[in-house]
C-alpha atoms as a PDB file:
ATOM      1  CA  UNK A   1     -21.925  33.776 -62.257  1.00  0.00           C
ATOM      2  CA  UNK A   2     -21.772  30.030 -62.828  1.00  0.00           C
ATOM      3  CA  UNK A   3     -19.153  30.507 -65.571  1.00  0.00           C
ATOM      4  CA  UNK A   4     -16.979  32.620 -63.251  1.00  0.00           C
ATOM      5  CA  UNK A   5     -17.046  29.941 -60.528  1.00  0.00           C
ATOM      6  CA  UNK A   6     -16.145  27.182 -63.013  1.00  0.00           C
ATOM      7  CA  UNK A   7     -13.336  29.285 -64.522  1.00  0.00           C
ATOM      8  CA  UNK A   8     -11.962  30.005 -61.035  1.00  0.00           C
ATOM      9  CA  UNK A   9     -12.006  26.301 -60.083  1.00  0.00           C
ATOM     10  CA  UNK A  10     -10.231  25.362 -63.326  1.00  0.00           C
ATOM     11  CA  UNK A  11      -7.571  28.053 -62.823  1.00  0.00           C
ATOM     12  CA  UNK A  12      -6.996  27.077 -59.190  1.00  0.00           C
ATOM     13  CA  UNK A  13      -6.754  23.418 -60.192  1.00  0.00           C
ATOM     14  CA  UNK A  14      -4.128  24.274 -62.826  1.00  0.00           C
ATOM     15  CA  UNK A  15      -2.205  26.410 -60.339  1.00  0.00           C
ATOM     16  CA  UNK A  16      -1.998  23.674 -57.699  1.00  0.00           C
ATOM     17  CA  UNK A  17      -1.148  20.939 -60.202  1.00  0.00           C
ATOM     18  CA  UNK A  18       1.797  22.904 -61.637  1.00  0.00           C
ATOM     19  CA  UNK A  19       3.680  23.291 -58.323  1.00  0.00           C
ATOM     20  CA  UNK A  20       7.054  23.839 -60.056  1.00  0.00           C
ATOM     21  CA  UNK A  21       9.068  27.046 -60.445  1.00  0.00           C
ATOM     22  CA  UNK A  22      11.666  27.754 -63.114  1.00  0.00           C
ATOM     23  CA  UNK A  23      13.931  30.715 -62.389  1.00  0.00           C
ATOM     24  CA  UNK A  24      14.895  32.431 -65.651  1.00  0.00           C
ATOM     25  CA  UNK A  25      13.670  29.566 -67.834  1.00  0.00           C
ATOM     26  CA  UNK A  26      10.432  28.607 -69.550  1.00  0.00           C
ATOM     27  CA  UNK A  27      10.242  24.980 -68.367  1.00  0.00           C
ATOM     28  CA  UNK A  28      11.399  22.958 -65.385  1.00  0.00           C
ATOM     29  CA  UNK A  29      13.700  19.950 -65.780  1.00  0.00           C
ATOM     30  CA  UNK A  30      12.149  16.680 -64.582  1.00  0.00           C
ATOM     31  CA  UNK A  31      10.444  16.714 -61.205  1.00  0.00           C
ATOM     32  CA  UNK A  32      12.168  19.810 -59.825  1.00  0.00           C
ATOM     33  CA  UNK A  33      10.209  22.029 -57.460  1.00  0.00           C
ATOM     34  CA  UNK A  34      12.700  24.866 -58.135  1.00  0.00           C
ATOM     35  CA  UNK A  35      15.037  24.868 -61.147  1.00  0.00           C
ATOM     36  CA  UNK A  36      17.635  27.252 -62.592  1.00  0.00           C
ATOM     37  CA  UNK A  37      19.133  27.563 -66.096  1.00  0.00           C
ATOM     38  CA  UNK A  38      22.751  26.849 -67.013  1.00  0.00           C
ATOM     39  CA  UNK A  39      24.603  30.069 -66.143  1.00  0.00           C
ATOM     40  CA  UNK A  40      27.604  31.511 -64.312  1.00  0.00           C
ATOM     41  CA  UNK A  41      25.706  32.239 -61.107  1.00  0.00           C
ATOM     42  CA  UNK A  42      24.705  30.263 -58.034  1.00  0.00           C
ATOM     43  CA  UNK A  43      22.529  30.514 -54.960  1.00  0.00           C
ATOM     44  CA  UNK A  44      23.997  32.675 -52.207  1.00  0.00           C
ATOM     45  CA  UNK A  45      23.306  31.116 -48.826  1.00  0.00           C
ATOM     46  CA  UNK A  46      22.326  33.228 -45.835  1.00  0.00           C
ATOM     47  CA  UNK A  47      25.194  34.224 -43.525  1.00  0.00           C
ATOM     48  CA  UNK A  48      23.935  33.707 -39.979  1.00  0.00           C
ATOM     49  CA  UNK A  49      25.256  35.213 -36.738  1.00  0.00           C
ATOM     50  CA  UNK A  50      24.491  32.018 -34.786  1.00  0.00           C
ATOM     51  CA  UNK A  51      23.397  28.519 -35.794  1.00  0.00           C
ATOM     52  CA  UNK A  52      19.618  28.091 -35.605  1.00  0.00           C
ATOM     53  CA  UNK A  53      18.243  25.741 -32.958  1.00  0.00           C
ATOM     54  CA  UNK A  54      14.867  24.137 -32.290  1.00  0.00           C
ATOM     55  CA  UNK A  55      12.237  24.312 -35.048  1.00  0.00           C
ATOM     56  CA  UNK A  56      14.395  26.726 -37.074  1.00  0.00           C
ATOM     57  CA  UNK A  57      17.090  24.026 -37.362  1.00  0.00           C
ATOM     58  CA  UNK A  58      15.346  21.709 -39.836  1.00  0.00           C
ATOM     59  CA  UNK A  59      17.335  18.912 -41.454  1.00  0.00           C
ATOM     60  CA  UNK A  60      18.255  19.922 -45.008  1.00  0.00           C
ATOM     61  CA  UNK A  61      19.013  23.546 -44.043  1.00  0.00           C
ATOM     62  CA  UNK A  62      22.063  25.141 -45.735  1.00  0.00           C
ATOM     63  CA  UNK A  63      23.821  28.273 -44.438  1.00  0.00           C
ATOM     64  CA  UNK A  64      27.155  30.009 -43.930  1.00  0.00           C
ATOM     65  CA  UNK A  65      28.057  30.218 -40.225  1.00  0.00           C
ATOM     66  CA  UNK A  66      29.535  33.666 -39.517  1.00  0.00           C
ATOM     67  CA  UNK A  67      31.210  32.468 -36.291  1.00  0.00           C
ATOM     68  CA  UNK A  68      33.702  30.267 -38.176  1.00  0.00           C
ATOM     69  CA  UNK A  69      33.025  31.160 -41.875  1.00  0.00           C
ATOM     70  CA  UNK A  70      32.103  27.565 -42.749  1.00  0.00           C
ATOM     71  CA  UNK A  71      29.281  26.522 -45.091  1.00  0.00           C
ATOM     72  CA  UNK A  72      27.125  24.010 -43.189  1.00  0.00           C
ATOM     73  CA  UNK A  73      24.179  21.720 -43.754  1.00  0.00           C
ATOM     74  CA  UNK A  74      21.798  20.351 -41.119  1.00  0.00           C
ATOM     75  CA  UNK A  75      21.762  16.539 -41.298  1.00  0.00           C
ATOM     76  CA  UNK A  76      20.441  14.082 -38.685  1.00  0.00           C
ATOM     77  CA  UNK A  77      19.973  17.010 -36.275  1.00  0.00           C
ATOM     78  CA  UNK A  78      23.671  17.953 -36.495  1.00  0.00           C
ATOM     79  CA  UNK A  79      25.435  20.769 -38.369  1.00  0.00           C
ATOM     80  CA  UNK A  80      27.775  19.164 -40.937  1.00  0.00           C
ATOM     81  CA  UNK A  81      30.589  21.314 -42.422  1.00  0.00           C
ATOM     82  CA  UNK A  82      30.649  21.485 -46.235  1.00  0.00           C
ATOM     83  CA  UNK A  83      33.718  23.707 -46.525  1.00  0.00           C
ATOM     84  CA  UNK A  84      36.867  24.740 -44.716  1.00  0.00           C
ATOM     85  CA  UNK A  85      36.950  28.041 -42.834  1.00  0.00           C
ATOM     86  CA  UNK A  86      36.578  30.772 -45.426  1.00  0.00           C
ATOM     87  CA  UNK A  87      36.474  34.540 -45.455  1.00  0.00           C
ATOM     88  CA  UNK A  88      33.688  37.095 -45.604  1.00  0.00           C
ATOM     89  CA  UNK A  89      35.926  39.663 -47.305  1.00  0.00           C
ATOM     90  CA  UNK A  90      33.994  41.222 -50.163  1.00  0.00           C
ATOM     91  CA  UNK A  91      30.562  40.358 -48.755  1.00  0.00           C
ATOM     92  CA  UNK A  92      28.059  42.976 -47.679  1.00  0.00           C
ATOM     93  CA  UNK A  93      26.405  42.141 -44.355  1.00  0.00           C
ATOM     94  CA  UNK A  94      22.643  42.460 -44.185  1.00  0.00           C
ATOM     95  CA  UNK A  95      22.029  45.063 -41.485  1.00  0.00           C
ATOM     96  CA  UNK A  96      18.285  45.505 -42.070  1.00  0.00           C
ATOM     97  CA  UNK A  97      15.746  43.966 -39.717  1.00  0.00           C
ATOM     98  CA  UNK A  98      14.210  40.732 -40.997  1.00  0.00           C
ATOM     99  CA  UNK A  99      10.557  40.913 -41.893  1.00  0.00           C
ATOM    100  CA  UNK A 100       8.006  38.237 -42.731  1.00  0.00           C
ATOM    101  CA  UNK A 101       8.321  34.499 -42.462  1.00  0.00           C
ATOM    102  CA  UNK A 102      10.121  33.756 -45.702  1.00  0.00           C
ATOM    103  CA  UNK A 103       8.800  32.160 -48.883  1.00  0.00           C
ATOM    104  CA  UNK A 104       7.349  28.641 -49.004  1.00  0.00           C
ATOM    105  CA  UNK A 105       7.151  26.820 -52.342  1.00  0.00           C
ATOM    106  CA  UNK A 106       5.251  23.566 -52.717  1.00  0.00           C
ATOM    107  CA  UNK A 107       2.884  23.809 -49.737  1.00  0.00           C
ATOM    108  CA  UNK A 108       0.557  26.349 -48.141  1.00  0.00           C
ATOM    109  CA  UNK A 109       2.605  26.259 -44.900  1.00  0.00           C
ATOM    110  CA  UNK A 110       5.613  24.547 -43.334  1.00  0.00           C
ATOM    111  CA  UNK A 111       6.934  23.863 -39.839  1.00  0.00           C
ATOM    112  CA  UNK A 112      10.436  24.694 -41.152  1.00  0.00           C
ATOM    113  CA  UNK A 113      11.611  28.277 -40.879  1.00  0.00           C
ATOM    114  CA  UNK A 114      13.849  29.906 -43.446  1.00  0.00           C
ATOM    115  CA  UNK A 115      14.212  32.593 -46.054  1.00  0.00           C
ATOM    116  CA  UNK A 116      13.200  30.028 -48.699  1.00  0.00           C
ATOM    117  CA  UNK A 117      11.489  26.762 -47.742  1.00  0.00           C
ATOM    118  CA  UNK A 118      10.809  24.072 -50.348  1.00  0.00           C
ATOM    119  CA  UNK A 119       8.172  21.568 -49.190  1.00  0.00           C
ATOM    120  CA  UNK A 120       7.482  18.522 -51.350  1.00  0.00           C
ATOM    121  CA  UNK A 121       7.244  14.773 -50.898  1.00  0.00           C
ATOM    122  CA  UNK A 122       8.118  14.107 -54.534  1.00  0.00           C
ATOM    123  CA  UNK A 123      10.113  17.048 -55.933  1.00  0.00           C
ATOM    124  CA  UNK A 124      13.544  18.492 -55.177  1.00  0.00           C
ATOM    125  CA  UNK A 125      15.619  21.622 -55.658  1.00  0.00           C
ATOM    126  CA  UNK A 126      17.783  21.611 -58.779  1.00  0.00           C
ATOM    127  CA  UNK A 127      20.789  23.815 -58.010  1.00  0.00           C
ATOM    128  CA  UNK A 128      21.931  26.404 -60.542  1.00  0.00           C
ATOM    129  CA  UNK A 129      24.067  24.571 -63.086  1.00  0.00           C
ATOM    130  CA  UNK A 130      27.510  26.030 -63.828  1.00  0.00           C
ATOM    131  CA  UNK A 131      30.191  24.694 -66.170  1.00  0.00           C
ATOM    132  CA  UNK A 132      33.344  24.771 -63.985  1.00  0.00           C
ATOM    133  CA  UNK A 133      32.501  27.391 -61.326  1.00  0.00           C
ATOM    134  CA  UNK A 134      36.197  27.848 -60.455  1.00  0.00           C
ATOM    135  CA  UNK A 135      36.967  29.036 -63.980  1.00  0.00           C
ATOM    136  CA  UNK A 136      33.678  30.637 -64.960  1.00  0.00           C
ATOM    137  CA  UNK A 137      32.573  32.542 -61.824  1.00  0.00           C
ATOM    138  CA  UNK A 138      34.833  35.588 -61.762  1.00  0.00           C
ATOM    139  CA  UNK A 139      33.868  37.005 -58.353  1.00  0.00           C
ATOM    140  CA  UNK A 140      31.893  34.467 -56.302  1.00  0.00           C
ATOM    141  CA  UNK A 141      30.538  35.572 -52.934  1.00  0.00           C
ATOM    142  CA  UNK A 142      31.051  33.556 -49.735  1.00  0.00           C
ATOM    143  CA  UNK A 143      28.136  31.146 -49.406  1.00  0.00           C
ATOM    144  CA  UNK A 144      27.634  30.611 -53.152  1.00  0.00           C
ATOM    145  CA  UNK A 145      26.330  27.132 -53.975  1.00  0.00           C
ATOM    146  CA  UNK A 146      25.800  25.515 -57.399  1.00  0.00           C
ATOM    147  CA  UNK A 147      26.033  22.251 -59.345  1.00  0.00           C
ATOM    148  CA  UNK A 148      29.285  21.880 -61.322  1.00  0.00           C
ATOM    149  CA  UNK A 149      28.315  20.238 -64.627  1.00  0.00           C
ATOM    150  CA  UNK A 150      31.961  19.387 -65.411  1.00  0.00           C
ATOM    151  CA  UNK A 151      32.862  17.490 -62.209  1.00  0.00           C
ATOM    152  CA  UNK A 152      29.200  16.528 -61.593  1.00  0.00           C
ATOM    153  CA  UNK A 153      29.376  17.657 -57.968  1.00  0.00           C
ATOM    154  CA  UNK A 154      27.754  20.172 -55.655  1.00  0.00           C
ATOM    155  CA  UNK A 155      30.113  23.125 -55.276  1.00  0.00           C
ATOM    156  CA  UNK A 156      30.174  25.572 -52.332  1.00  0.00           C
ATOM    157  CA  UNK A 157      32.360  28.659 -52.058  1.00  0.00           C
ATOM    158  CA  UNK A 158      33.506  29.665 -48.558  1.00  0.00           C
ATOM    159  CA  UNK A 159      34.953  33.041 -49.548  1.00  0.00           C
ATOM    160  CA  UNK A 160      38.449  31.610 -50.151  1.00  0.00           C
ATOM    161  CA  UNK A 161      38.072  28.408 -52.161  1.00  0.00           C
ATOM    162  CA  UNK A 162      35.559  26.009 -53.651  1.00  0.00           C
ATOM    163  CA  UNK A 163      34.657  22.674 -51.990  1.00  0.00           C
ATOM    164  CA  UNK A 164      33.066  19.893 -54.024  1.00  0.00           C
ATOM    165  CA  UNK A 165      30.659  17.188 -52.820  1.00  0.00           C
ATOM    166  CA  UNK A 166      29.548  14.045 -54.704  1.00  0.00           C
END
């Protein structure tokens, strides 16, 4: 029994120390809390019917606003546009009822609400890395976000064109 308790404590200690997730790769680059390999894919942001308010509107939130088809980020308690007005042509709306409270990585709980919440005081999200998303992503979906390794910028696709942010 004593050996089982010690083994459990060691395994739990290893689990909490790790605290990093690599999607489709064996190791995480640097101090990333969530990291993706070099590929021709990106993260597809949620398309929301209305901008979240209150506790659901945490700074650092990214989304595609369905009311004007603009990719936005919450900064200093304001919604900042990251793209021009795009188009949702070719996207499939999610018509199923939402269930659960989302996934939290990096902490046991979070006051922020979202589909994916990354909580860390010392680690960050590393966006999927793409060499020239304009040329290499053949059919991007509105709300796609990645890091362009050629221009060294964050790239967001609004359904019509790419916008790049340094």
